[in-house]
């Protein structure tokens, strides 16, 4: 995400966009704000 400086450059890719109406909570965005994220970070997100 890089604070909306990574393609597609949209604030709707941030963690606080969770869906609309009856779909609230069914959109889960996990936005990285730095590069070099790897196995440890992805496994942490999957598990937790």
ModelCIF file with pLDDT and N, C-alpha, C, O atoms, coordinates in Angstrom:
data_MODEL
#
_entry.id   MODEL 
#
_entity.id                         1 
_entity.type                       polymer 
_entity.pdbx_number_of_molecules   1 
#
_entity_poly.entity_id                      1 
_entity_poly.type                           'polypeptide(L)' 
_entity_poly.nstd_linkage                   no 
_entity_poly.nstd_monomer                   no 
_entity_poly.pdbx_seq_one_letter_code       
;(UNK)(UNK)(UNK)(UNK)(UNK)(UNK)(UNK)(UNK)(UNK)(UNK)(UNK)(UNK)(UNK)(UNK)(UNK)(UNK)
(UNK)(UNK)(UNK)(UNK)(UNK)(UNK)(UNK)(UNK)(UNK)(UNK)(UNK)(UNK)(UNK)(UNK)(UNK)(UNK)
(UNK)(UNK)(UNK)(UNK)(UNK)(UNK)(UNK)(UNK)(UNK)(UNK)(UNK)(UNK)(UNK)(UNK)(UNK)(UNK)
;
_entity_poly.pdbx_seq_one_letter_code_can   XXXXXXXXXXXXXXXXXXXXXXXXXXXXXXXXXXXXXXXXXXXXXXXX 
_entity_poly.pdbx_strand_id                 A 
#
loop_
_entity_poly_seq.entity_id 
_entity_poly_seq.num 
_entity_poly_seq.mon_id 
_entity_poly_seq.hetero 
1 1  UNK n 
1 2  UNK n 
1 3  UNK n 
1 4  UNK n 
1 5  UNK n 
1 6  UNK n 
1 7  UNK n 
1 8  UNK n 
1 9  UNK n 
1 10 UNK n 
1 11 UNK n 
1 12 UNK n 
1 13 UNK n 
1 14 UNK n 
1 15 UNK n 
1 16 UNK n 
1 17 UNK n 
1 18 UNK n 
1 19 UNK n 
1 20 UNK n 
1 21 UNK n 
1 22 UNK n 
1 23 UNK n 
1 24 UNK n 
1 25 UNK n 
1 26 UNK n 
1 27 UNK n 
1 28 UNK n 
1 29 UNK n 
1 30 UNK n 
1 31 UNK n 
1 32 UNK n 
1 33 UNK n 
1 34 UNK n 
1 35 UNK n 
1 36 UNK n 
1 37 UNK n 
1 38 UNK n 
1 39 UNK n 
1 40 UNK n 
1 41 UNK n 
1 42 UNK n 
1 43 UNK n 
1 44 UNK n 
1 45 UNK n 
1 46 UNK n 
1 47 UNK n 
1 48 UNK n 
#
_struct_asym.id          A 
_struct_asym.entity_id   1 
#
loop_
_ma_qa_metric.id 
_ma_qa_metric.mode 
_ma_qa_metric.name 
_ma_qa_metric.software_group_id 
_ma_qa_metric.type 
1 global pLDDT . pLDDT 
2 local  pLDDT . pLDDT 
#
_ma_qa_metric_global.metric_id      1 
_ma_qa_metric_global.metric_value   97.58 
_ma_qa_metric_global.model_id       1 
_ma_qa_metric_global.ordinal_id     1 
#
loop_
_ma_qa_metric_local.label_asym_id 
_ma_qa_metric_local.label_comp_id 
_ma_qa_metric_local.label_seq_id 
_ma_qa_metric_local.metric_id 
_ma_qa_metric_local.metric_value 
_ma_qa_metric_local.model_id 
_ma_qa_metric_local.ordinal_id 
A UNK 1  2 98.00 1 1  
A UNK 2  2 97.00 1 2  
A UNK 3  2 96.00 1 3  
A UNK 4  2 97.00 1 4  
A UNK 5  2 97.00 1 5  
A UNK 6  2 98.00 1 6  
A UNK 7  2 98.00 1 7  
A UNK 8  2 98.00 1 8  
A UNK 9  2 97.00 1 9  
A UNK 10 2 97.00 1 10 
A UNK 11 2 97.00 1 11 
A UNK 12 2 97.00 1 12 
A UNK 13 2 98.00 1 13 
A UNK 14 2 98.00 1 14 
A UNK 15 2 98.00 1 15 
A UNK 16 2 97.00 1 16 
A UNK 17 2 98.00 1 17 
A UNK 18 2 98.00 1 18 
A UNK 19 2 98.00 1 19 
A UNK 20 2 97.00 1 20 
A UNK 21 2 97.00 1 21 
A UNK 22 2 98.00 1 22 
A UNK 23 2 98.00 1 23 
A UNK 24 2 98.00 1 24 
A UNK 25 2 98.00 1 25 
A UNK 26 2 98.00 1 26 
A UNK 27 2 98.00 1 27 
A UNK 28 2 98.00 1 28 
A UNK 29 2 98.00 1 29 
A UNK 30 2 98.00 1 30 
A UNK 31 2 98.00 1 31 
A UNK 32 2 98.00 1 32 
A UNK 33 2 97.00 1 33 
A UNK 34 2 96.00 1 34 
A UNK 35 2 96.00 1 35 
A UNK 36 2 96.00 1 36 
A UNK 37 2 98.00 1 37 
A UNK 38 2 98.00 1 38 
A UNK 39 2 98.00 1 39 
A UNK 40 2 98.00 1 40 
A UNK 41 2 98.00 1 41 
A UNK 42 2 98.00 1 42 
A UNK 43 2 98.00 1 43 
A UNK 44 2 98.00 1 44 
A UNK 45 2 98.00 1 45 
A UNK 46 2 98.00 1 46 
A UNK 47 2 98.00 1 47 
A UNK 48 2 97.00 1 48 
#
loop_
_atom_site.group_PDB 
_atom_site.id 
_atom_site.type_symbol 
_atom_site.label_atom_id 
_atom_site.label_alt_id 
_atom_site.label_comp_id 
_atom_site.label_asym_id 
_atom_site.label_entity_id 
_atom_site.label_seq_id 
_atom_site.pdbx_PDB_ins_code 
_atom_site.Cartn_x 
_atom_site.Cartn_y 
_atom_site.Cartn_z 
_atom_site.occupancy 
_atom_site.B_iso_or_equiv 
_atom_site.pdbx_formal_charge 
_atom_site.auth_seq_id 
_atom_site.auth_comp_id 
_atom_site.auth_asym_id 
_atom_site.auth_atom_id 
_atom_site.pdbx_PDB_model_num 
ATOM 1   N N  . UNK A 1 1  ? 0.835   -1.198  0.000  1.00 98.00 ? 1  UNK A N  1 
ATOM 2   C CA . UNK A 1 1  ? 0.000   0.000   0.000  1.00 98.00 ? 1  UNK A CA 1 
ATOM 3   C C  . UNK A 1 1  ? 0.871   1.250   0.000  1.00 98.00 ? 1  UNK A C  1 
ATOM 4   O O  . UNK A 1 1  ? 0.629   2.198   -0.748 1.00 98.00 ? 1  UNK A O  1 
ATOM 5   N N  . UNK A 1 2  ? 1.895   1.230   0.860  1.00 97.00 ? 2  UNK A N  1 
ATOM 6   C CA . UNK A 1 2  ? 2.835   2.352   0.943  1.00 97.00 ? 2  UNK A CA 1 
ATOM 7   C C  . UNK A 1 2  ? 2.109   3.685   1.079  1.00 97.00 ? 2  UNK A C  1 
ATOM 8   O O  . UNK A 1 2  ? 2.449   4.678   0.437  1.00 97.00 ? 2  UNK A O  1 
ATOM 9   N N  . UNK A 1 3  ? 1.080   3.665   1.952  1.00 96.00 ? 3  UNK A N  1 
ATOM 10  C CA . UNK A 1 3  ? 0.288   4.888   2.190  1.00 96.00 ? 3  UNK A CA 1 
ATOM 11  C C  . UNK A 1 3  ? -0.257  5.466   0.893  1.00 96.00 ? 3  UNK A C  1 
ATOM 12  O O  . UNK A 1 3  ? -0.162  6.666   0.638  1.00 96.00 ? 3  UNK A O  1 
ATOM 13  N N  . UNK A 1 4  ? -0.834  4.581   0.077  1.00 97.00 ? 4  UNK A N  1 
ATOM 14  C CA . UNK A 1 4  ? -1.489  4.914   -1.198 1.00 97.00 ? 4  UNK A CA 1 
ATOM 15  C C  . UNK A 1 4  ? -0.518  5.366   -2.278 1.00 97.00 ? 4  UNK A C  1 
ATOM 16  O O  . UNK A 1 4  ? -0.927  6.003   -3.248 1.00 97.00 ? 4  UNK A O  1 
ATOM 17  N N  . UNK A 1 5  ? 0.769   5.043   -2.121 1.00 97.00 ? 5  UNK A N  1 
ATOM 18  C CA . UNK A 1 5  ? 1.749   5.389   -3.150 1.00 97.00 ? 5  UNK A CA 1 
ATOM 19  C C  . UNK A 1 5  ? 2.171   4.165   -3.970 1.00 97.00 ? 5  UNK A C  1 
ATOM 20  O O  . UNK A 1 5  ? 3.179   4.203   -4.676 1.00 97.00 ? 5  UNK A O  1 
ATOM 21  N N  . UNK A 1 6  ? 1.405   3.095   -3.873 1.00 98.00 ? 6  UNK A N  1 
ATOM 22  C CA . UNK A 1 6  ? 1.689   1.886   -4.640 1.00 98.00 ? 6  UNK A CA 1 
ATOM 23  C C  . UNK A 1 6  ? 0.451   1.534   -5.459 1.00 98.00 ? 6  UNK A C  1 
ATOM 24  O O  . UNK A 1 6  ? -0.671  1.651   -4.965 1.00 98.00 ? 6  UNK A O  1 
ATOM 25  N N  . UNK A 1 7  ? 0.642   1.109   -6.694 1.00 98.00 ? 7  UNK A N  1 
ATOM 26  C CA . UNK A 1 7  ? -0.476  0.819   -7.599 1.00 98.00 ? 7  UNK A CA 1 
ATOM 27  C C  . UNK A 1 7  ? -1.477  -0.132  -6.930 1.00 98.00 ? 7  UNK A C  1 
ATOM 28  O O  . UNK A 1 7  ? -1.070  -1.120  -6.319 1.00 98.00 ? 7  UNK A O  1 
ATOM 29  N N  . UNK A 1 8  ? -2.782  0.154   -7.039 1.00 98.00 ? 8  UNK A N  1 
ATOM 30  C CA . UNK A 1 8  ? -3.448  1.164   -7.868 1.00 98.00 ? 8  UNK A CA 1 
ATOM 31  C C  . UNK A 1 8  ? -3.697  2.514   -7.214 1.00 98.00 ? 8  UNK A C  1 
ATOM 32  O O  . UNK A 1 8  ? -4.601  3.242   -7.623 1.00 98.00 ? 8  UNK A O  1 
ATOM 33  N N  . UNK A 1 9  ? -2.899  2.861   -6.194 1.00 97.00 ? 9  UNK A N  1 
ATOM 34  C CA . UNK A 1 9  ? -2.886  4.215   -5.627 1.00 97.00 ? 9  UNK A CA 1 
ATOM 35  C C  . UNK A 1 9  ? -4.242  4.643   -5.064 1.00 97.00 ? 9  UNK A C  1 
ATOM 36  O O  . UNK A 1 9  ? -4.675  5.773   -5.291 1.00 97.00 ? 9  UNK A O  1 
ATOM 37  N N  . UNK A 1 10 ? -4.902  3.769   -4.347 1.00 97.00 ? 10 UNK A N  1 
ATOM 38  C CA . UNK A 1 10 ? -6.238  4.067   -3.835 1.00 97.00 ? 10 UNK A CA 1 
ATOM 39  C C  . UNK A 1 10 ? -6.285  3.924   -2.323 1.00 97.00 ? 10 UNK A C  1 
ATOM 40  O O  . UNK A 1 10 ? -5.760  2.960   -1.766 1.00 97.00 ? 10 UNK A O  1 
ATOM 41  N N  . UNK A 1 11 ? -6.917  4.889   -1.659 1.00 97.00 ? 11 UNK A N  1 
ATOM 42  C CA . UNK A 1 11 ? -7.105  4.800   -0.216 1.00 97.00 ? 11 UNK A CA 1 
ATOM 43  C C  . UNK A 1 11 ? -8.041  3.656   0.154  1.00 97.00 ? 11 UNK A C  1 
ATOM 44  O O  . UNK A 1 11 ? -8.060  3.224   1.307  1.00 97.00 ? 11 UNK A O  1 
ATOM 45  N N  . UNK A 1 12 ? -8.808  3.165   -0.792 1.00 97.00 ? 12 UNK A N  1 
ATOM 46  C CA . UNK A 1 12 ? -9.713  2.052   -0.500 1.00 97.00 ? 12 UNK A CA 1 
ATOM 47  C C  . UNK A 1 12 ? -8.972  0.733   -0.340 1.00 97.00 ? 12 UNK A C  1 
ATOM 48  O O  . UNK A 1 12 ? -9.587  -0.296  -0.060 1.00 97.00 ? 12 UNK A O  1 
ATOM 49  N N  . UNK A 1 13 ? -7.651  0.757   -0.515 1.00 98.00 ? 13 UNK A N  1 
ATOM 50  C CA . UNK A 1 13 ? -6.842  -0.431  -0.245 1.00 98.00 ? 13 UNK A CA 1 
ATOM 51  C C  . UNK A 1 13 ? -6.346  -0.455  1.196  1.00 98.00 ? 13 UNK A C  1 
ATOM 52  O O  . UNK A 1 13 ? -5.655  -1.394  1.591  1.00 98.00 ? 13 UNK A O  1 
ATOM 53  N N  . UNK A 1 14 ? -6.685  0.560   1.987  1.00 98.00 ? 14 UNK A N  1 
ATOM 54  C CA . UNK A 1 14 ? -6.187  0.633   3.353  1.00 98.00 ? 14 UNK A CA 1 
ATOM 55  C C  . UNK A 1 14 ? -7.028  -0.251  4.276  1.00 98.00 ? 14 UNK A C  1 
ATOM 56  O O  . UNK A 1 14 ? -8.089  -0.743  3.893  1.00 98.00 ? 14 UNK A O  1 
ATOM 57  N N  . UNK A 1 15 ? -6.529  -0.439  5.494  1.00 98.00 ? 15 UNK A N  1 
ATOM 58  C CA . UNK A 1 15 ? -7.145  -1.373  6.438  1.00 98.00 ? 15 UNK A CA 1 
ATOM 59  C C  . UNK A 1 15 ? -8.527  -0.945  6.891  1.00 98.00 ? 15 UNK A C  1 
ATOM 60  O O  . UNK A 1 15 ? -9.320  -1.781  7.325  1.00 98.00 ? 15 UNK A O  1 
ATOM 61  N N  . UNK A 1 16 ? -8.838  0.363   6.798  1.00 97.00 ? 16 UNK A N  1 
ATOM 62  C CA . UNK A 1 16 ? -10.117 0.827   7.311  1.00 97.00 ? 16 UNK A CA 1 
ATOM 63  C C  . UNK A 1 16 ? -11.241 0.771   6.281  1.00 97.00 ? 16 UNK A C  1 
ATOM 64  O O  . UNK A 1 16 ? -12.369 1.174   6.568  1.00 97.00 ? 16 UNK A O  1 
ATOM 65  N N  . UNK A 1 17 ? -10.937 0.270   5.079  1.00 98.00 ? 17 UNK A N  1 
ATOM 66  C CA . UNK A 1 17 ? -12.035 0.015   4.149  1.00 98.00 ? 17 UNK A CA 1 
ATOM 67  C C  . UNK A 1 17 ? -12.464 -1.433  4.355  1.00 98.00 ? 17 UNK A C  1 
ATOM 68  O O  . UNK A 1 17 ? -11.721 -2.359  4.028  1.00 98.00 ? 17 UNK A O  1 
ATOM 69  N N  . UNK A 1 18 ? -13.660 -1.625  4.897  1.00 98.00 ? 18 UNK A N  1 
ATOM 70  C CA . UNK A 1 18 ? -14.097 -2.958  5.322  1.00 98.00 ? 18 UNK A CA 1 
ATOM 71  C C  . UNK A 1 18 ? -15.331 -3.452  4.568  1.00 98.00 ? 18 UNK A C  1 
ATOM 72  O O  . UNK A 1 18 ? -15.893 -4.494  4.908  1.00 98.00 ? 18 UNK A O  1 
ATOM 73  N N  . UNK A 1 19 ? -15.753 -2.704  3.544  1.00 98.00 ? 19 UNK A N  1 
ATOM 74  C CA . UNK A 1 19 ? -16.955 -3.066  2.807  1.00 98.00 ? 19 UNK A CA 1 
ATOM 75  C C  . UNK A 1 19 ? -18.068 -2.064  3.044  1.00 98.00 ? 19 UNK A C  1 
ATOM 76  O O  . UNK A 1 19 ? -17.910 -1.105  3.800  1.00 98.00 ? 19 UNK A O  1 
ATOM 77  N N  . UNK A 1 20 ? -19.205 -2.300  2.383  1.00 97.00 ? 20 UNK A N  1 
ATOM 78  C CA . UNK A 1 20 ? -20.327 -1.362  2.447  1.00 97.00 ? 20 UNK A CA 1 
ATOM 79  C C  . UNK A 1 20 ? -21.612 -2.102  2.808  1.00 97.00 ? 20 UNK A C  1 
ATOM 80  O O  . UNK A 1 20 ? -21.770 -3.283  2.499  1.00 97.00 ? 20 UNK A O  1 
ATOM 81  N N  . UNK A 1 21 ? -22.526 -1.393  3.465  1.00 97.00 ? 21 UNK A N  1 
ATOM 82  C CA . UNK A 1 21 ? -23.846 -1.945  3.740  1.00 97.00 ? 21 UNK A CA 1 
ATOM 83  C C  . UNK A 1 21 ? -23.782 -3.282  4.452  1.00 97.00 ? 21 UNK A C  1 
ATOM 84  O O  . UNK A 1 21 ? -23.087 -3.433  5.457  1.00 97.00 ? 21 UNK A O  1 
ATOM 85  N N  . UNK A 1 22 ? -24.513 -4.251  3.922  1.00 98.00 ? 22 UNK A N  1 
ATOM 86  C CA . UNK A 1 22 ? -24.532 -5.587  4.532  1.00 98.00 ? 22 UNK A CA 1 
ATOM 87  C C  . UNK A 1 22 ? -23.212 -6.319  4.348  1.00 98.00 ? 22 UNK A C  1 
ATOM 88  O O  . UNK A 1 22 ? -22.990 -7.370  4.950  1.00 98.00 ? 22 UNK A O  1 
ATOM 89  N N  . UNK A 1 23 ? -22.324 -5.759  3.507  1.00 98.00 ? 23 UNK A N  1 
ATOM 90  C CA . UNK A 1 23 ? -21.018 -6.372  3.290  1.00 98.00 ? 23 UNK A CA 1 
ATOM 91  C C  . UNK A 1 23 ? -19.943 -5.853  4.226  1.00 98.00 ? 23 UNK A C  1 
ATOM 92  O O  . UNK A 1 23 ? -18.775 -6.208  4.067  1.00 98.00 ? 23 UNK A O  1 
ATOM 93  N N  . UNK A 1 24 ? -20.301 -5.016  5.206  1.00 98.00 ? 24 UNK A N  1 
ATOM 94  C CA . UNK A 1 24 ? -19.300 -4.508  6.137  1.00 98.00 ? 24 UNK A CA 1 
ATOM 95  C C  . UNK A 1 24 ? -18.676 -5.657  6.923  1.00 98.00 ? 24 UNK A C  1 
ATOM 96  O O  . UNK A 1 24 ? -19.372 -6.501  7.488  1.00 98.00 ? 24 UNK A O  1 
ATOM 97  N N  . UNK A 1 25 ? -17.350 -5.665  6.941  1.00 98.00 ? 25 UNK A N  1 
ATOM 98  C CA . UNK A 1 25 ? -16.613 -6.714  7.624  1.00 98.00 ? 25 UNK A CA 1 
ATOM 99  C C  . UNK A 1 25 ? -16.181 -7.834  6.698  1.00 98.00 ? 25 UNK A C  1 
ATOM 100 O O  . UNK A 1 25 ? -15.375 -8.681  7.086  1.00 98.00 ? 25 UNK A O  1 
ATOM 101 N N  . UNK A 1 26 ? -16.707 -7.853  5.476  1.00 98.00 ? 26 UNK A N  1 
ATOM 102 C CA . UNK A 1 26 ? -16.401 -8.935  4.544  1.00 98.00 ? 26 UNK A CA 1 
ATOM 103 C C  . UNK A 1 26 ? -15.351 -8.542  3.508  1.00 98.00 ? 26 UNK A C  1 
ATOM 104 O O  . UNK A 1 26 ? -15.043 -9.315  2.601  1.00 98.00 ? 26 UNK A O  1 
ATOM 105 N N  . UNK A 1 27 ? -14.810 -7.348  3.647  1.00 98.00 ? 27 UNK A N  1 
ATOM 106 C CA . UNK A 1 27 ? -13.617 -6.940  2.906  1.00 98.00 ? 27 UNK A CA 1 
ATOM 107 C C  . UNK A 1 27 ? -12.507 -6.731  3.924  1.00 98.00 ? 27 UNK A C  1 
ATOM 108 O O  . UNK A 1 27 ? -12.616 -5.877  4.805  1.00 98.00 ? 27 UNK A O  1 
ATOM 109 N N  . UNK A 1 28 ? -11.448 -7.506  3.803  1.00 98.00 ? 28 UNK A N  1 
ATOM 110 C CA . UNK A 1 28 ? -10.343 -7.433  4.762  1.00 98.00 ? 28 UNK A CA 1 
ATOM 111 C C  . UNK A 1 28 ? -9.069  -7.083  4.001  1.00 98.00 ? 28 UNK A C  1 
ATOM 112 O O  . UNK A 1 28 ? -8.526  -7.906  3.263  1.00 98.00 ? 28 UNK A O  1 
ATOM 113 N N  . UNK A 1 29 ? -8.604  -5.862  4.189  1.00 98.00 ? 29 UNK A N  1 
ATOM 114 C CA . UNK A 1 29 ? -7.378  -5.398  3.548  1.00 98.00 ? 29 UNK A CA 1 
ATOM 115 C C  . UNK A 1 29 ? -6.229  -5.402  4.540  1.00 98.00 ? 29 UNK A C  1 
ATOM 116 O O  . UNK A 1 29 ? -6.330  -4.852  5.637  1.00 98.00 ? 29 UNK A O  1 
ATOM 117 N N  . UNK A 1 30 ? -5.135  -6.031  4.137  1.00 98.00 ? 30 UNK A N  1 
ATOM 118 C CA . UNK A 1 30 ? -3.912  -6.046  4.944  1.00 98.00 ? 30 UNK A CA 1 
ATOM 119 C C  . UNK A 1 30 ? -2.859  -5.283  4.149  1.00 98.00 ? 30 UNK A C  1 
ATOM 120 O O  . UNK A 1 30 ? -2.195  -5.865  3.291  1.00 98.00 ? 30 UNK A O  1 
ATOM 121 N N  . UNK A 1 31 ? -2.695  -3.990  4.421  1.00 98.00 ? 31 UNK A N  1 
ATOM 122 C CA . UNK A 1 31 ? -1.837  -3.139  3.588  1.00 98.00 ? 31 UNK A CA 1 
ATOM 123 C C  . UNK A 1 31 ? -0.421  -3.020  4.143  1.00 98.00 ? 31 UNK A C  1 
ATOM 124 O O  . UNK A 1 31 ? -0.220  -2.489  5.235  1.00 98.00 ? 31 UNK A O  1 
ATOM 125 N N  . UNK A 1 32 ? 0.552   -3.511  3.393  1.00 98.00 ? 32 UNK A N  1 
ATOM 126 C CA . UNK A 1 32 ? 1.950   -3.312  3.790  1.00 98.00 ? 32 UNK A CA 1 
ATOM 127 C C  . UNK A 1 32 ? 2.364   -1.879  3.456  1.00 98.00 ? 32 UNK A C  1 
ATOM 128 O O  . UNK A 1 32 ? 1.986   -1.332  2.420  1.00 98.00 ? 32 UNK A O  1 
ATOM 129 N N  . UNK A 1 33 ? 3.136   -1.297  4.340  1.00 97.00 ? 33 UNK A N  1 
ATOM 130 C CA . UNK A 1 33 ? 3.646   0.054   4.106  1.00 97.00 ? 33 UNK A CA 1 
ATOM 131 C C  . UNK A 1 33 ? 5.156   0.072   3.909  1.00 97.00 ? 33 UNK A C  1 
ATOM 132 O O  . UNK A 1 33 ? 5.785   1.124   4.023  1.00 97.00 ? 33 UNK A O  1 
ATOM 133 N N  . UNK A 1 34 ? 5.735   -1.075  3.615  1.00 96.00 ? 34 UNK A N  1 
ATOM 134 C CA . UNK A 1 34 ? 7.145   -1.156  3.269  1.00 96.00 ? 34 UNK A CA 1 
ATOM 135 C C  . UNK A 1 34 ? 7.360   -2.387  2.395  1.00 96.00 ? 34 UNK A C  1 
ATOM 136 O O  . UNK A 1 34 ? 6.522   -3.289  2.358  1.00 96.00 ? 34 UNK A O  1 
ATOM 137 N N  . UNK A 1 35 ? 8.486   -2.414  1.696  1.00 96.00 ? 35 UNK A N  1 
ATOM 138 C CA . UNK A 1 35 ? 8.812   -3.573  0.875  1.00 96.00 ? 35 UNK A CA 1 
ATOM 139 C C  . UNK A 1 35 ? 9.539   -4.616  1.709  1.00 96.00 ? 35 UNK A C  1 
ATOM 140 O O  . UNK A 1 35 ? 9.719   -4.448  2.915  1.00 96.00 ? 35 UNK A O  1 
ATOM 141 N N  . UNK A 1 36 ? 9.955   -5.700  1.052  1.00 96.00 ? 36 UNK A N  1 
ATOM 142 C CA . UNK A 1 36 ? 10.714  -6.784  1.670  1.00 96.00 ? 36 UNK A CA 1 
ATOM 143 C C  . UNK A 1 36 ? 9.908   -7.610  2.669  1.00 96.00 ? 36 UNK A C  1 
ATOM 144 O O  . UNK A 1 36 ? 10.498  -8.285  3.512  1.00 96.00 ? 36 UNK A O  1 
ATOM 145 N N  . UNK A 1 37 ? 8.580   -7.577  2.598  1.00 98.00 ? 37 UNK A N  1 
ATOM 146 C CA . UNK A 1 37 ? 7.775   -8.461  3.438  1.00 98.00 ? 37 UNK A CA 1 
ATOM 147 C C  . UNK A 1 37 ? 7.920   -9.890  2.909  1.00 98.00 ? 37 UNK A C  1 
ATOM 148 O O  . UNK A 1 37 ? 7.890   -10.122 1.700  1.00 98.00 ? 37 UNK A O  1 
ATOM 149 N N  . UNK A 1 38 ? 8.075   -10.833 3.823  1.00 98.00 ? 38 UNK A N  1 
ATOM 150 C CA . UNK A 1 38 ? 8.358   -12.198 3.398  1.00 98.00 ? 38 UNK A CA 1 
ATOM 151 C C  . UNK A 1 38 ? 7.562   -13.252 4.131  1.00 98.00 ? 38 UNK A C  1 
ATOM 152 O O  . UNK A 1 38 ? 6.464   -12.990 4.622  1.00 98.00 ? 38 UNK A O  1 
ATOM 153 N N  . UNK A 1 39 ? 8.124   -14.449 4.202  1.00 98.00 ? 39 UNK A N  1 
ATOM 154 C CA . UNK A 1 39 ? 7.412   -15.592 4.769  1.00 98.00 ? 39 UNK A CA 1 
ATOM 155 C C  . UNK A 1 39 ? 6.915   -15.317 6.182  1.00 98.00 ? 39 UNK A C  1 
ATOM 156 O O  . UNK A 1 39 ? 5.773   -15.645 6.503  1.00 98.00 ? 39 UNK A O  1 
ATOM 157 N N  . UNK A 1 40 ? 7.745   -14.722 7.031  1.00 98.00 ? 40 UNK A N  1 
ATOM 158 C CA . UNK A 1 40 ? 7.360   -14.492 8.423  1.00 98.00 ? 40 UNK A CA 1 
ATOM 159 C C  . UNK A 1 40 ? 6.125   -13.600 8.510  1.00 98.00 ? 40 UNK A C  1 
ATOM 160 O O  . UNK A 1 40 ? 5.206   -13.880 9.280  1.00 98.00 ? 40 UNK A O  1 
ATOM 161 N N  . UNK A 1 41 ? 6.103   -12.526 7.722  1.00 98.00 ? 41 UNK A N  1 
ATOM 162 C CA . UNK A 1 41 ? 4.981   -11.586 7.772  1.00 98.00 ? 41 UNK A CA 1 
ATOM 163 C C  . UNK A 1 41 ? 3.700   -12.215 7.222  1.00 98.00 ? 41 UNK A C  1 
ATOM 164 O O  . UNK A 1 41 ? 2.629   -12.048 7.805  1.00 98.00 ? 41 UNK A O  1 
ATOM 165 N N  . UNK A 1 42 ? 3.803   -12.932 6.112  1.00 98.00 ? 42 UNK A N  1 
ATOM 166 C CA . UNK A 1 42 ? 2.613   -13.546 5.524  1.00 98.00 ? 42 UNK A CA 1 
ATOM 167 C C  . UNK A 1 42 ? 2.064   -14.652 6.421  1.00 98.00 ? 42 UNK A C  1 
ATOM 168 O O  . UNK A 1 42 ? 0.848   -14.785 6.560  1.00 98.00 ? 42 UNK A O  1 
ATOM 169 N N  . UNK A 1 43 ? 2.928   -15.435 7.021  1.00 98.00 ? 43 UNK A N  1 
ATOM 170 C CA . UNK A 1 43 ? 2.460   -16.476 7.933  1.00 98.00 ? 43 UNK A CA 1 
ATOM 171 C C  . UNK A 1 43 ? 1.802   -15.873 9.168  1.00 98.00 ? 43 UNK A C  1 
ATOM 172 O O  . UNK A 1 43 ? 0.800   -16.395 9.657  1.00 98.00 ? 43 UNK A O  1 
ATOM 173 N N  . UNK A 1 44 ? 2.358   -14.779 9.673  1.00 98.00 ? 44 UNK A N  1 
ATOM 174 C CA . UNK A 1 44 ? 1.750   -14.116 10.830 1.00 98.00 ? 44 UNK A CA 1 
ATOM 175 C C  . UNK A 1 44 ? 0.335   -13.661 10.507 1.00 98.00 ? 44 UNK A C  1 
ATOM 176 O O  . UNK A 1 44 ? -0.581  -13.854 11.306 1.00 98.00 ? 44 UNK A O  1 
ATOM 177 N N  . UNK A 1 45 ? 0.155   -13.061 9.345  1.00 98.00 ? 45 UNK A N  1 
ATOM 178 C CA . UNK A 1 45 ? -1.175  -12.588 8.943  1.00 98.00 ? 45 UNK A CA 1 
ATOM 179 C C  . UNK A 1 45 ? -2.135  -13.763 8.757  1.00 98.00 ? 45 UNK A C  1 
ATOM 180 O O  . UNK A 1 45 ? -3.289  -13.693 9.180  1.00 98.00 ? 45 UNK A O  1 
ATOM 181 N N  . UNK A 1 46 ? -1.669  -14.832 8.133  1.00 98.00 ? 46 UNK A N  1 
ATOM 182 C CA . UNK A 1 46 ? -2.535  -15.993 7.953  1.00 98.00 ? 46 UNK A CA 1 
ATOM 183 C C  . UNK A 1 46 ? -2.969  -16.562 9.305  1.00 98.00 ? 46 UNK A C  1 
ATOM 184 O O  . UNK A 1 46 ? -4.153  -16.826 9.518  1.00 98.00 ? 46 UNK A O  1 
ATOM 185 N N  . UNK A 1 47 ? -2.024  -16.748 10.205 1.00 98.00 ? 47 UNK A N  1 
ATOM 186 C CA . UNK A 1 47 ? -2.348  -17.394 11.473 1.00 98.00 ? 47 UNK A CA 1 
ATOM 187 C C  . UNK A 1 47 ? -3.210  -16.527 12.378 1.00 98.00 ? 47 UNK A C  1 
ATOM 188 O O  . UNK A 1 47 ? -4.067  -17.051 13.090 1.00 98.00 ? 47 UNK A O  1 
ATOM 189 N N  . UNK A 1 48 ? -3.007  -15.224 12.369 1.00 97.00 ? 48 UNK A N  1 
ATOM 190 C CA . UNK A 1 48 ? -3.640  -14.374 13.364 1.00 97.00 ? 48 UNK A CA 1 
ATOM 191 C C  . UNK A 1 48 ? -4.820  -13.558 12.845 1.00 97.00 ? 48 UNK A C  1 
ATOM 192 O O  . UNK A 1 48 ? -5.430  -12.804 13.602 1.00 97.00 ? 48 UNK A O  1 
#
